[in-house]
Amino acid sequence: MMKNWLAAGAVALTVGMTSTIAQAQTTTVPGEQVGLAVGAPLPEGIYAINTFTYRRPDAPSSALSGSADTAVNIPLLVWSTPFVPFGGRVEFLVAAPTVFAFSRNPAGVANKDISINVGTFVAGVWAFDLGNNFGVSLLGGVYLNDLNGDRGSIITPQGTTATPVLGQLSSNTYRMGVAASYTGDGWNITGNLTANIYDSPGRFPGQVGAAIGPLRISDSLNFDLTATKKFGNFEIGPIAYGTYNFDISQASLAAGNRGRFAIGGLIGYDFKVFTMQAYVARDVVTGAQYANAFGRVRDNYSTDGWVRLIVPLYSAAPAASPVPTALVRKY
């Protein structure tokens, strides 16, 4: 059962949002799929999954550093269909991610906590069981930012306009992914690659969009790695993830920030009627930087915390075994 829910959770994390407000990067959250058997096909059924992540950068929250704590909440519905063309199960999913930012301003300084709606994410997965506990999957989808994503600016506590908040939302995000998993003997050994492609330059609509002008968005590639092991109902093991921005020129939203790589650990527990996982990871490499109070440039490492809840709402009943009948032979 845990193996099936790990696969369900893999689909849950096909949605997400950048984990920083100050540094533009991939729309899909780096690390959103670690700890999950992304390559394994789901059993036929319907799944409700919620994923929450909270990220804290080293830089203090201030106008100087432009830093803030950020969080992402991702409610998701997954339908694993009975269709298996060419042996691969077809799965559909829909989600509405929300991004939050928390200023951490000290006493005496106005706080400005905000929430941002990411465009609805719709996608399909084609997942194959290759036998011997190996599986592979292909994903294609889009974040519909042009349809219902939030737009370009906020009003700061000082009454000034800050734009753009998340420049990625000036374009739909087209997502493609490929993953492979081994799930034998309680292991979950998974590697996953996720590409985010944009209509660059992107543009916000209306007067705000006209004032901001076109935004050059870097295409990007995420990589998620897992090597966990089950011991009874418990699961534990190391995880790692990162992101790579292709365009870091000064004209790009990812200017000077090639990406990041984080390492951490995961624990999980199978409660039978639902599954929970939690993990923490810390950057070991980062392209994000900030200037401290003395004007010195420092690498802006971050620490991420994650929690997942996976609840099957419906599972197709297994096919009933035929009733044995007497075998009659005529000689």
C-alpha atoms as a PDB file:
ATOM      1  CA  MET A   1       0.000   0.000   0.000  1.00  0.00           C
ATOM      2  CA  MET A   2       2.782   2.437   0.839  1.00  0.00           C
ATOM      3  CA  LYS A   3       4.349   1.812  -2.547  1.00  0.00           C
ATOM      4  CA  ASN A   4       1.079   2.782  -4.246  1.00  0.00           C
ATOM      5  CA  TRP A   5       0.764   5.960  -2.166  1.00  0.00           C
ATOM      6  CA  LEU A   6       4.331   6.916  -2.939  1.00  0.00           C
ATOM      7  CA  ALA A   7       3.387   6.783  -6.588  1.00  0.00           C
ATOM      8  CA  ALA A   8       0.302   8.881  -5.871  1.00  0.00           C
ATOM      9  CA  GLY A   9       2.427  11.437  -4.097  1.00  0.00           C
ATOM     10  CA  ALA A  10       4.678  11.636  -7.121  1.00  0.00           C
ATOM     11  CA  VAL A  11       1.804  13.035  -9.129  1.00  0.00           C
ATOM     12  CA  ALA A  12       0.903  15.396  -6.306  1.00  0.00           C
ATOM     13  CA  LEU A  13       4.177  17.151  -6.682  1.00  0.00           C
ATOM     14  CA  THR A  14       3.886  17.696 -10.388  1.00  0.00           C
ATOM     15  CA  VAL A  15       2.642  21.102  -9.403  1.00  0.00           C
ATOM     16  CA  GLY A  16       4.326  23.895  -7.540  1.00  0.00           C
ATOM     17  CA  MET A  17       5.789  27.345  -7.557  1.00  0.00           C
ATOM     18  CA  THR A  18       9.096  29.113  -7.104  1.00  0.00           C
ATOM     19  CA  SER A  19      10.290  29.008  -3.520  1.00  0.00           C
ATOM     20  CA  THR A  20      11.628  32.535  -3.478  1.00  0.00           C
ATOM     21  CA  ILE A  21      10.087  35.906  -4.206  1.00  0.00           C
ATOM     22  CA  ALA A  22      13.325  37.827  -4.552  1.00  0.00           C
ATOM     23  CA  GLN A  23      15.038  35.505  -7.056  1.00  0.00           C
ATOM     24  CA  ALA A  24      13.118  34.485 -10.162  1.00  0.00           C
ATOM     25  CA  GLN A  25      13.558  30.860 -11.116  1.00  0.00           C
ATOM     26  CA  THR A  26      11.673  27.760 -12.267  1.00  0.00           C
ATOM     27  CA  THR A  27       7.896  27.781 -11.709  1.00  0.00           C
ATOM     28  CA  THR A  28       8.019  24.178 -10.502  1.00  0.00           C
ATOM     29  CA  VAL A  29       9.427  24.087  -6.970  1.00  0.00           C
ATOM     30  CA  PRO A  30      12.912  22.558  -6.862  1.00  0.00           C
ATOM     31  CA  GLY A  31      12.682  19.381  -4.800  1.00  0.00           C
ATOM     32  CA  GLU A  32       8.926  18.990  -5.043  1.00  0.00           C
ATOM     33  CA  GLN A  33       9.172  15.342  -6.178  1.00  0.00           C
ATOM     34  CA  VAL A  34      11.919  13.910  -3.974  1.00  0.00           C
ATOM     35  CA  GLY A  35      10.890  11.072  -1.696  1.00  0.00           C
ATOM     36  CA  LEU A  36       8.288   9.879  -4.202  1.00  0.00           C
ATOM     37  CA  ALA A  37       8.330   7.023  -6.696  1.00  0.00           C
ATOM     38  CA  VAL A  38       7.712   9.365  -9.611  1.00  0.00           C
ATOM     39  CA  GLY A  39       8.352   6.695 -12.229  1.00  0.00           C
ATOM     40  CA  ALA A  40       5.808   4.191 -10.847  1.00  0.00           C
ATOM     41  CA  PRO A  41       2.276   4.048 -12.310  1.00  0.00           C
ATOM     42  CA  LEU A  42      -0.626   4.698  -9.925  1.00  0.00           C
ATOM     43  CA  PRO A  43      -3.292   2.102  -9.184  1.00  0.00           C
ATOM     44  CA  GLU A  44      -6.605   3.026 -10.766  1.00  0.00           C
ATOM     45  CA  GLY A  45      -8.467   5.488  -8.553  1.00  0.00           C
ATOM     46  CA  ILE A  46      -8.875   9.090  -7.348  1.00  0.00           C
ATOM     47  CA  TYR A  47      -6.475  10.742  -4.900  1.00  0.00           C
ATOM     48  CA  ALA A  48      -6.563  13.971  -2.877  1.00  0.00           C
ATOM     49  CA  ILE A  49      -3.098  15.233  -2.009  1.00  0.00           C
ATOM     50  CA  ASN A  50      -1.892  18.364  -0.245  1.00  0.00           C
ATOM     51  CA  THR A  51       1.723  19.504  -0.193  1.00  0.00           C
ATOM     52  CA  PHE A  52       3.144  22.370   1.826  1.00  0.00           C
ATOM     53  CA  THR A  53       6.685  23.747   1.799  1.00  0.00           C
ATOM     54  CA  TYR A  54       8.301  26.581   3.756  1.00  0.00           C
ATOM     55  CA  ARG A  55      11.614  28.172   2.804  1.00  0.00           C
ATOM     56  CA  ARG A  56      13.856  30.478   4.849  1.00  0.00           C
ATOM     57  CA  PRO A  57      16.872  32.191   3.233  1.00  0.00           C
ATOM     58  CA  ASP A  58      19.922  33.267   5.245  1.00  0.00           C
ATOM     59  CA  ALA A  59      19.562  36.909   4.215  1.00  0.00           C
ATOM     60  CA  PRO A  60      17.732  39.092   6.750  1.00  0.00           C
ATOM     61  CA  SER A  61      14.408  40.490   5.610  1.00  0.00           C
ATOM     62  CA  SER A  62      15.035  44.067   4.520  1.00  0.00           C
ATOM     63  CA  ALA A  63      14.879  46.372   1.555  1.00  0.00           C
ATOM     64  CA  LEU A  64      18.658  45.963   1.307  1.00  0.00           C
ATOM     65  CA  SER A  65      18.592  42.204   0.855  1.00  0.00           C
ATOM     66  CA  GLY A  66      15.145  41.903  -0.764  1.00  0.00           C
ATOM     67  CA  SER A  67      14.737  38.647   1.159  1.00  0.00           C
ATOM     68  CA  ALA A  68      11.632  37.061   2.674  1.00  0.00           C
ATOM     69  CA  ASP A  69      10.416  33.712   3.953  1.00  0.00           C
ATOM     70  CA  THR A  70       8.201  31.973   1.410  1.00  0.00           C
ATOM     71  CA  ALA A  71       5.744  29.090   1.434  1.00  0.00           C
ATOM     72  CA  VAL A  72       3.754  27.158  -1.153  1.00  0.00           C
ATOM     73  CA  ASN A  73       0.523  25.210  -0.663  1.00  0.00           C
ATOM     74  CA  ILE A  74      -0.594  22.795  -3.385  1.00  0.00           C
ATOM     75  CA  PRO A  75      -4.054  21.154  -3.200  1.00  0.00           C
ATOM     76  CA  LEU A  76      -4.407  18.510  -5.905  1.00  0.00           C
ATOM     77  CA  LEU A  77      -6.834  15.988  -7.345  1.00  0.00           C
ATOM     78  CA  VAL A  78      -5.511  13.039  -9.354  1.00  0.00           C
ATOM     79  CA  TRP A  79      -7.454  10.617 -11.512  1.00  0.00           C
ATOM     80  CA  SER A  80      -5.570   7.468 -12.394  1.00  0.00           C
ATOM     81  CA  THR A  81      -7.657   6.166 -15.260  1.00  0.00           C
ATOM     82  CA  PRO A  82      -8.334   2.579 -16.372  1.00  0.00           C
ATOM     83  CA  PHE A  83      -6.729   3.394 -19.737  1.00  0.00           C
ATOM     84  CA  VAL A  84      -3.370   1.716 -20.416  1.00  0.00           C
ATOM     85  CA  PRO A  85      -2.449   2.336 -24.072  1.00  0.00           C
ATOM     86  CA  PHE A  86       0.664   0.397 -25.087  1.00  0.00           C
ATOM     87  CA  GLY A  87       0.942  -0.786 -21.479  1.00  0.00           C
ATOM     88  CA  GLY A  88       1.295   2.662 -19.893  1.00  0.00           C
ATOM     89  CA  ARG A  89      -1.333   3.972 -17.469  1.00  0.00           C
ATOM     90  CA  VAL A  90      -2.845   7.376 -18.273  1.00  0.00           C
ATOM     91  CA  GLU A  91      -3.295   9.764 -15.325  1.00  0.00           C
ATOM     92  CA  PHE A  92      -4.845  13.249 -15.221  1.00  0.00           C
ATOM     93  CA  LEU A  93      -4.379  15.917 -12.574  1.00  0.00           C
ATOM     94  CA  VAL A  94      -5.465  19.432 -11.671  1.00  0.00           C
ATOM     95  CA  ALA A  95      -4.207  21.776  -8.956  1.00  0.00           C
ATOM     96  CA  ALA A  96      -4.373  25.397  -7.819  1.00  0.00           C
ATOM     97  CA  PRO A  97      -1.075  26.329  -6.105  1.00  0.00           C
ATOM     98  CA  THR A  98      -0.733  29.371  -3.844  1.00  0.00           C
ATOM     99  CA  VAL A  99       2.496  31.162  -2.892  1.00  0.00           C
ATOM    100  CA  PHE A 100       2.930  33.070   0.384  1.00  0.00           C
ATOM    101  CA  ALA A 101       5.641  35.551   1.414  1.00  0.00           C
ATOM    102  CA  PHE A 102       6.445  36.666   4.972  1.00  0.00           C
ATOM    103  CA  SER A 103       8.634  39.715   5.488  1.00  0.00           C
ATOM    104  CA  ARG A 104      10.129  38.922   8.940  1.00  0.00           C
ATOM    105  CA  ASN A 105      10.401  42.677   9.495  1.00  0.00           C
ATOM    106  CA  PRO A 106      11.626  43.649  12.993  1.00  0.00           C
ATOM    107  CA  ALA A 107       9.555  45.569  15.539  1.00  0.00           C
ATOM    108  CA  GLY A 108       8.747  49.086  14.428  1.00  0.00           C
ATOM    109  CA  VAL A 109       8.837  48.214  10.716  1.00  0.00           C
ATOM    110  CA  ALA A 110       5.548  47.577   8.911  1.00  0.00           C
ATOM    111  CA  ASN A 111       4.993  43.977   7.843  1.00  0.00           C
ATOM    112  CA  LYS A 112       3.604  42.970   4.484  1.00  0.00           C
ATOM    113  CA  ASP A 113       2.591  39.330   4.174  1.00  0.00           C
ATOM    114  CA  ILE A 114       1.173  38.450   0.772  1.00  0.00           C
ATOM    115  CA  SER A 115      -0.365  35.529  -1.095  1.00  0.00           C
ATOM    116  CA  ILE A 116      -0.180  34.953  -4.840  1.00  0.00           C
ATOM    117  CA  ASN A 117      -2.358  32.642  -6.925  1.00  0.00           C
ATOM    118  CA  VAL A 118      -0.448  30.598  -9.466  1.00  0.00           C
ATOM    119  CA  GLY A 119      -2.279  29.713 -12.668  1.00  0.00           C
ATOM    120  CA  THR A 120      -4.229  26.448 -12.480  1.00  0.00           C
ATOM    121  CA  PHE A 121      -2.019  23.498 -13.351  1.00  0.00           C
ATOM    122  CA  VAL A 122      -3.393  20.782 -15.650  1.00  0.00           C
ATOM    123  CA  ALA A 123      -1.352  17.823 -16.822  1.00  0.00           C
ATOM    124  CA  GLY A 124      -1.256  14.250 -17.986  1.00  0.00           C
ATOM    125  CA  VAL A 125       1.107  11.430 -17.034  1.00  0.00           C
ATOM    126  CA  TRP A 126       1.906   8.260 -18.995  1.00  0.00           C
ATOM    127  CA  ALA A 127       3.479   5.741 -16.617  1.00  0.00           C
ATOM    128  CA  PHE A 128       4.871   2.281 -17.411  1.00  0.00           C
ATOM    129  CA  ASP A 129       5.556  -0.702 -15.174  1.00  0.00           C
ATOM    130  CA  LEU A 130       8.607  -2.341 -16.785  1.00  0.00           C
ATOM    131  CA  GLY A 131       8.617  -5.296 -14.425  1.00  0.00           C
ATOM    132  CA  ASN A 132      11.153  -6.307 -11.758  1.00  0.00           C
ATOM    133  CA  ASN A 133      10.090  -3.230  -9.708  1.00  0.00           C
ATOM    134  CA  PHE A 134      11.251  -0.743 -12.349  1.00  0.00           C
ATOM    135  CA  GLY A 135       9.008   1.993 -13.750  1.00  0.00           C
ATOM    136  CA  VAL A 136       9.262   5.051 -15.982  1.00  0.00           C
ATOM    137  CA  SER A 137       6.882   7.935 -16.614  1.00  0.00           C
ATOM    138  CA  LEU A 138       6.438  10.895 -18.928  1.00  0.00           C
ATOM    139  CA  LEU A 139       4.640  14.094 -17.922  1.00  0.00           C
ATOM    140  CA  GLY A 140       3.272  16.989 -19.946  1.00  0.00           C
ATOM    141  CA  GLY A 141       1.329  19.942 -18.580  1.00  0.00           C
ATOM    142  CA  VAL A 142       0.903  23.679 -18.290  1.00  0.00           C
ATOM    143  CA  TYR A 143       0.474  26.303 -15.567  1.00  0.00           C
ATOM    144  CA  LEU A 144      -2.322  28.523 -16.967  1.00  0.00           C
ATOM    145  CA  ASN A 145      -0.827  31.799 -15.726  1.00  0.00           C
ATOM    146  CA  ASP A 146      -2.274  33.786 -18.623  1.00  0.00           C
ATOM    147  CA  LEU A 147      -5.763  32.550 -17.686  1.00  0.00           C
ATOM    148  CA  ASN A 148      -5.976  32.967 -13.903  1.00  0.00           C
ATOM    149  CA  GLY A 149      -2.549  33.634 -12.398  1.00  0.00           C
ATOM    150  CA  ASP A 150      -2.038  36.745 -10.279  1.00  0.00           C
ATOM    151  CA  ARG A 151      -0.757  39.906 -11.933  1.00  0.00           C
ATOM    152  CA  GLY A 152       2.505  41.702 -11.590  1.00  0.00           C
ATOM    153  CA  SER A 153       2.504  44.117  -8.641  1.00  0.00           C
ATOM    154  CA  ILE A 154       1.767  44.755  -4.961  1.00  0.00           C
ATOM    155  CA  ILE A 155       1.558  47.847  -2.788  1.00  0.00           C
ATOM    156  CA  THR A 156       4.318  47.896  -0.170  1.00  0.00           C
ATOM    157  CA  PRO A 157       3.780  48.966   3.479  1.00  0.00           C
ATOM    158  CA  GLN A 158       5.233  52.333   2.489  1.00  0.00           C
ATOM    159  CA  GLY A 159       2.514  52.767  -0.142  1.00  0.00           C
ATOM    160  CA  THR A 160       4.810  52.313  -3.131  1.00  0.00           C
ATOM    161  CA  THR A 161       4.279  49.848  -5.952  1.00  0.00           C
ATOM    162  CA  ALA A 162       6.592  46.821  -6.223  1.00  0.00           C
ATOM    163  CA  THR A 163       6.774  45.095  -9.616  1.00  0.00           C
ATOM    164  CA  PRO A 164       7.095  42.437 -10.755  1.00  0.00           C
ATOM    165  CA  VAL A 165       6.520  40.130  -7.785  1.00  0.00           C
ATOM    166  CA  LEU A 166       6.699  36.832  -9.700  1.00  0.00           C
ATOM    167  CA  GLY A 167       7.717  37.576 -13.256  1.00  0.00           C
ATOM    168  CA  GLN A 168       7.246  33.919 -14.216  1.00  0.00           C
ATOM    169  CA  LEU A 169       3.487  34.510 -14.122  1.00  0.00           C
ATOM    170  CA  SER A 170       3.722  36.849 -17.109  1.00  0.00           C
ATOM    171  CA  SER A 171       3.755  33.688 -19.260  1.00  0.00           C
ATOM    172  CA  ASN A 172       2.125  30.294 -19.174  1.00  0.00           C
ATOM    173  CA  THR A 173       4.647  27.711 -17.996  1.00  0.00           C
ATOM    174  CA  TYR A 174       4.902  24.590 -20.147  1.00  0.00           C
ATOM    175  CA  ARG A 175       6.164  21.639 -18.159  1.00  0.00           C
ATOM    176  CA  MET A 176       7.727  18.393 -19.359  1.00  0.00           C
ATOM    177  CA  GLY A 177       9.174  15.627 -17.199  1.00  0.00           C
ATOM    178  CA  VAL A 178      10.733  12.179 -17.335  1.00  0.00           C
ATOM    179  CA  ALA A 179      11.336   9.930 -14.325  1.00  0.00           C
ATOM    180  CA  ALA A 180      12.586   6.441 -13.458  1.00  0.00           C
ATOM    181  CA  SER A 181      12.010   4.508 -10.221  1.00  0.00           C
ATOM    182  CA  TYR A 182      13.069   1.278  -8.544  1.00  0.00           C
ATOM    183  CA  THR A 183      10.731   0.188  -5.721  1.00  0.00           C
ATOM    184  CA  GLY A 184      11.858  -3.334  -4.843  1.00  0.00           C
ATOM    185  CA  ASP A 185      12.466  -4.654  -1.304  1.00  0.00           C
ATOM    186  CA  GLY A 186      11.153  -1.500   0.354  1.00  0.00           C
ATOM    187  CA  TRP A 187      13.497   0.794  -1.542  1.00  0.00           C
ATOM    188  CA  ASN A 188      12.537   3.944  -3.413  1.00  0.00           C
ATOM    189  CA  ILE A 189      15.391   4.893  -5.697  1.00  0.00           C
ATOM    190  CA  THR A 190      14.176   7.583  -8.081  1.00  0.00           C
ATOM    191  CA  GLY A 191      15.644  10.135 -10.464  1.00  0.00           C
ATOM    192  CA  ASN A 192      13.532  12.806 -12.129  1.00  0.00           C
ATOM    193  CA  LEU A 193      14.114  15.624 -14.624  1.00  0.00           C
ATOM    194  CA  THR A 194      11.604  18.462 -15.051  1.00  0.00           C
ATOM    195  CA  ALA A 195      11.828  21.194 -17.682  1.00  0.00           C
ATOM    196  CA  ASN A 196       9.982  24.541 -17.503  1.00  0.00           C
ATOM    197  CA  ILE A 197       9.572  26.373 -20.821  1.00  0.00           C
ATOM    198  CA  TYR A 198       8.214  29.925 -21.159  1.00  0.00           C
ATOM    199  CA  ASP A 199       6.834  32.236 -23.842  1.00  0.00           C
ATOM    200  CA  SER A 200       9.666  34.703 -23.391  1.00  0.00           C
ATOM    201  CA  PRO A 201       9.482  37.644 -23.277  1.00  0.00           C
ATOM    202  CA  GLY A 202       6.385  37.465 -21.089  1.00  0.00           C
ATOM    203  CA  ARG A 203       3.903  40.298 -20.608  1.00  0.00           C
ATOM    204  CA  PHE A 204       1.338  41.132 -17.937  1.00  0.00           C
ATOM    205  CA  PRO A 205      -1.973  42.582 -19.198  1.00  0.00           C
ATOM    206  CA  GLY A 206      -3.473  45.966 -18.460  1.00  0.00           C
ATOM    207  CA  GLN A 207      -1.895  49.221 -17.313  1.00  0.00           C
ATOM    208  CA  VAL A 208       0.453  47.517 -14.869  1.00  0.00           C
ATOM    209  CA  GLY A 209       1.696  45.200 -17.591  1.00  0.00           C
ATOM    210  CA  ALA A 210       2.216  48.107 -19.955  1.00  0.00           C
ATOM    211  CA  ALA A 211       4.264  49.925 -17.319  1.00  0.00           C
ATOM    212  CA  ILE A 212       6.395  46.873 -16.538  1.00  0.00           C
ATOM    213  CA  GLY A 213       6.975  46.015 -20.176  1.00  0.00           C
ATOM    214  CA  PRO A 214       8.200  42.678 -21.538  1.00  0.00           C
ATOM    215  CA  LEU A 215      10.000  40.322 -19.147  1.00  0.00           C
ATOM    216  CA  ARG A 216      12.696  37.920 -20.259  1.00  0.00           C
ATOM    217  CA  ILE A 217      12.199  34.569 -18.471  1.00  0.00           C
ATOM    218  CA  SER A 218      14.836  31.855 -18.324  1.00  0.00           C
ATOM    219  CA  ASP A 219      13.912  28.304 -19.274  1.00  0.00           C
ATOM    220  CA  SER A 220      15.054  25.932 -16.548  1.00  0.00           C
ATOM    221  CA  LEU A 221      15.689  22.321 -15.585  1.00  0.00           C
ATOM    222  CA  ASN A 222      15.019  20.696 -12.193  1.00  0.00           C
ATOM    223  CA  PHE A 223      16.514  17.411 -10.982  1.00  0.00           C
ATOM    224  CA  ASP A 224      15.203  15.443  -7.986  1.00  0.00           C
ATOM    225  CA  LEU A 225      16.997  12.456  -6.418  1.00  0.00           C
ATOM    226  CA  THR A 226      15.740   9.954  -3.817  1.00  0.00           C
ATOM    227  CA  ALA A 227      17.201   6.895  -2.041  1.00  0.00           C
ATOM    228  CA  THR A 228      14.879   5.934   0.836  1.00  0.00           C
ATOM    229  CA  LYS A 229      14.156   2.590   2.533  1.00  0.00           C
ATOM    230  CA  LYS A 230      11.080   1.287   4.376  1.00  0.00           C
ATOM    231  CA  PHE A 231      11.300  -0.379   7.783  1.00  0.00           C
ATOM    232  CA  GLY A 232       7.799  -1.586   8.597  1.00  0.00           C
ATOM    233  CA  ASN A 233       5.531   1.447   8.379  1.00  0.00           C
ATOM    234  CA  PHE A 234       8.466   3.849   8.613  1.00  0.00           C
ATOM    235  CA  GLU A 235      10.505   5.240   5.750  1.00  0.00           C
ATOM    236  CA  ILE A 236      13.806   7.068   5.953  1.00  0.00           C
ATOM    237  CA  GLY A 237      16.628   8.112   3.672  1.00  0.00           C
ATOM    238  CA  PRO A 238      18.591  10.888   1.968  1.00  0.00           C
ATOM    239  CA  ILE A 239      17.250  13.166  -0.742  1.00  0.00           C
ATOM    240  CA  ALA A 240      18.772  15.854  -2.969  1.00  0.00           C
ATOM    241  CA  TYR A 241      17.503  18.319  -5.534  1.00  0.00           C
ATOM    242  CA  GLY A 242      18.442  21.331  -7.590  1.00  0.00           C
ATOM    243  CA  THR A 243      17.560  23.656 -10.423  1.00  0.00           C
ATOM    244  CA  TYR A 244      19.503  25.060 -13.377  1.00  0.00           C
ATOM    245  CA  ASN A 245      18.636  28.345 -15.129  1.00  0.00           C
ATOM    246  CA  PHE A 246      19.743  28.550 -18.756  1.00  0.00           C
ATOM    247  CA  ASP A 247      19.634  32.345 -19.198  1.00  0.00           C
ATOM    248  CA  ILE A 248      21.385  34.341 -16.463  1.00  0.00           C
ATOM    249  CA  SER A 249      22.162  37.439 -18.521  1.00  0.00           C
ATOM    250  CA  GLN A 250      21.399  40.840 -17.000  1.00  0.00           C
ATOM    251  CA  ALA A 251      18.203  41.048 -19.068  1.00  0.00           C
ATOM    252  CA  SER A 252      16.838  37.826 -17.561  1.00  0.00           C
ATOM    253  CA  LEU A 253      14.692  37.464 -14.438  1.00  0.00           C
ATOM    254  CA  ALA A 254      17.319  34.934 -13.295  1.00  0.00           C
ATOM    255  CA  ALA A 255      20.159  37.435 -13.793  1.00  0.00           C
ATOM    256  CA  GLY A 256      23.352  36.109 -12.227  1.00  0.00           C
ATOM    257  CA  ASN A 257      21.589  33.146 -10.590  1.00  0.00           C
ATOM    258  CA  ARG A 258      22.553  29.876 -12.283  1.00  0.00           C
ATOM    259  CA  GLY A 259      20.530  27.860  -9.764  1.00  0.00           C
ATOM    260  CA  ARG A 260      20.894  25.880  -6.559  1.00  0.00           C
ATOM    261  CA  PHE A 261      21.536  22.398  -5.151  1.00  0.00           C
ATOM    262  CA  ALA A 262      20.253  21.157  -1.790  1.00  0.00           C
ATOM    263  CA  ILE A 263      20.798  17.992   0.273  1.00  0.00           C
ATOM    264  CA  GLY A 264      18.652  16.674   3.112  1.00  0.00           C
ATOM    265  CA  GLY A 265      16.817  13.780   4.717  1.00  0.00           C
ATOM    266  CA  LEU A 266      13.285  12.396   4.690  1.00  0.00           C
ATOM    267  CA  ILE A 267      11.073  10.481   7.111  1.00  0.00           C
ATOM    268  CA  GLY A 268       7.646   9.028   6.405  1.00  0.00           C
ATOM    269  CA  TYR A 269       4.941   6.915   8.007  1.00  0.00           C
ATOM    270  CA  ASP A 270       2.197   4.759   6.516  1.00  0.00           C
ATOM    271  CA  PHE A 271      -0.989   5.182   8.596  1.00  0.00           C
ATOM    272  CA  LYS A 272      -2.812   2.737   6.267  1.00  0.00           C
ATOM    273  CA  VAL A 273      -5.707   5.112   5.505  1.00  0.00           C
ATOM    274  CA  PHE A 274      -3.312   7.922   4.596  1.00  0.00           C
ATOM    275  CA  THR A 275       0.424   8.538   4.321  1.00  0.00           C
ATOM    276  CA  MET A 276       2.537  11.430   5.597  1.00  0.00           C
ATOM    277  CA  GLN A 277       6.068  12.439   4.671  1.00  0.00           C
ATOM    278  CA  ALA A 278       8.305  15.227   5.921  1.00  0.00           C
ATOM    279  CA  TYR A 279      11.778  16.297   4.915  1.00  0.00           C
ATOM    280  CA  VAL A 280      14.267  19.088   5.399  1.00  0.00           C
ATOM    281  CA  ALA A 281      17.020  20.185   3.009  1.00  0.00           C
ATOM    282  CA  ARG A 282      19.743  22.802   3.024  1.00  0.00           C
ATOM    283  CA  ASP A 283      21.476  24.477   0.077  1.00  0.00           C
ATOM    284  CA  VAL A 284      25.075  23.441  -0.476  1.00  0.00           C
ATOM    285  CA  VAL A 285      25.403  25.448  -3.703  1.00  0.00           C
ATOM    286  CA  THR A 286      23.455  28.556  -4.662  1.00  0.00           C
ATOM    287  CA  GLY A 287      23.576  31.311  -7.247  1.00  0.00           C
ATOM    288  CA  ALA A 288      21.422  33.662  -5.132  1.00  0.00           C
ATOM    289  CA  GLN A 289      23.279  36.499  -3.419  1.00  0.00           C
ATOM    290  CA  TYR A 290      22.602  39.471  -1.152  1.00  0.00           C
ATOM    291  CA  ALA A 291      24.492  42.458   0.231  1.00  0.00           C
ATOM    292  CA  ASN A 292      24.810  42.669   4.016  1.00  0.00           C
ATOM    293  CA  ALA A 293      24.707  45.854   6.120  1.00  0.00           C
ATOM    294  CA  PHE A 294      28.365  46.497   5.311  1.00  0.00           C
ATOM    295  CA  GLY A 295      27.826  46.198   1.574  1.00  0.00           C
ATOM    296  CA  ARG A 296      29.556  42.840   1.316  1.00  0.00           C
ATOM    297  CA  VAL A 297      28.058  40.314  -1.100  1.00  0.00           C
ATOM    298  CA  ARG A 298      27.149  36.962   0.425  1.00  0.00           C
ATOM    299  CA  ASP A 299      25.695  33.738  -0.997  1.00  0.00           C
ATOM    300  CA  ASN A 300      22.059  33.502   0.071  1.00  0.00           C
ATOM    301  CA  TYR A 301      21.723  29.863   1.159  1.00  0.00           C
ATOM    302  CA  SER A 302      18.245  28.613   2.092  1.00  0.00           C
ATOM    303  CA  THR A 303      16.700  25.918   4.270  1.00  0.00           C
ATOM    304  CA  ASP A 304      13.509  24.158   3.096  1.00  0.00           C
ATOM    305  CA  GLY A 305      10.945  22.216   5.114  1.00  0.00           C
ATOM    306  CA  TRP A 306       8.245  20.046   3.503  1.00  0.00           C
ATOM    307  CA  VAL A 307       5.096  18.161   4.610  1.00  0.00           C
ATOM    308  CA  ARG A 308       2.912  15.894   2.459  1.00  0.00           C
ATOM    309  CA  LEU A 309      -0.468  14.250   3.040  1.00  0.00           C
ATOM    310  CA  ILE A 310      -1.746  11.627   0.571  1.00  0.00           C
ATOM    311  CA  VAL A 311      -5.355  10.378   0.891  1.00  0.00           C
ATOM    312  CA  PRO A 312      -6.907   7.905  -1.561  1.00  0.00           C
ATOM    313  CA  LEU A 313     -10.551   8.887  -2.124  1.00  0.00           C
ATOM    314  CA  TYR A 314     -11.473   5.981  -4.376  1.00  0.00           C
ATOM    315  CA  SER A 315      -9.749   2.837  -5.543  1.00  0.00           C
ATOM    316  CA  ALA A 316     -11.048   0.497  -8.194  1.00  0.00           C
ATOM    317  CA  ALA A 317     -12.042  -2.867  -6.754  1.00  0.00           C
ATOM    318  CA  PRO A 318      -9.657  -5.609  -7.809  1.00  0.00           C
ATOM    319  CA  ALA A 319     -11.032  -7.991 -10.362  1.00  0.00           C
ATOM    320  CA  ALA A 320     -12.763 -10.941  -8.720  1.00  0.00           C
ATOM    321  CA  SER A 321     -11.095 -14.284  -9.187  1.00  0.00           C
ATOM    322  CA  PRO A 322     -13.180 -16.745 -11.245  1.00  0.00           C
ATOM    323  CA  VAL A 323     -14.933 -19.462  -9.250  1.00  0.00           C
ATOM    324  CA  PRO A 324     -13.175 -22.776  -9.845  1.00  0.00           C
ATOM    325  CA  THR A 325     -15.254 -25.256 -11.832  1.00  0.00           C
ATOM    326  CA  ALA A 326     -14.877 -28.949 -12.257  1.00  0.00           C
ATOM    327  CA  LEU A 327     -12.812 -29.963 -15.204  1.00  0.00           C
ATOM    328  CA  VAL A 328     -14.574 -32.594 -17.319  1.00  0.00           C
ATOM    329  CA  ARG A 329     -12.664 -34.424 -19.972  1.00  0.00           C
ATOM    330  CA  LYS A 330     -14.103 -36.678 -22.567  1.00  0.00           C
ATOM    331  CA  TYR A 331     -11.987 -39.615 -23.652  1.00  0.00           C
END
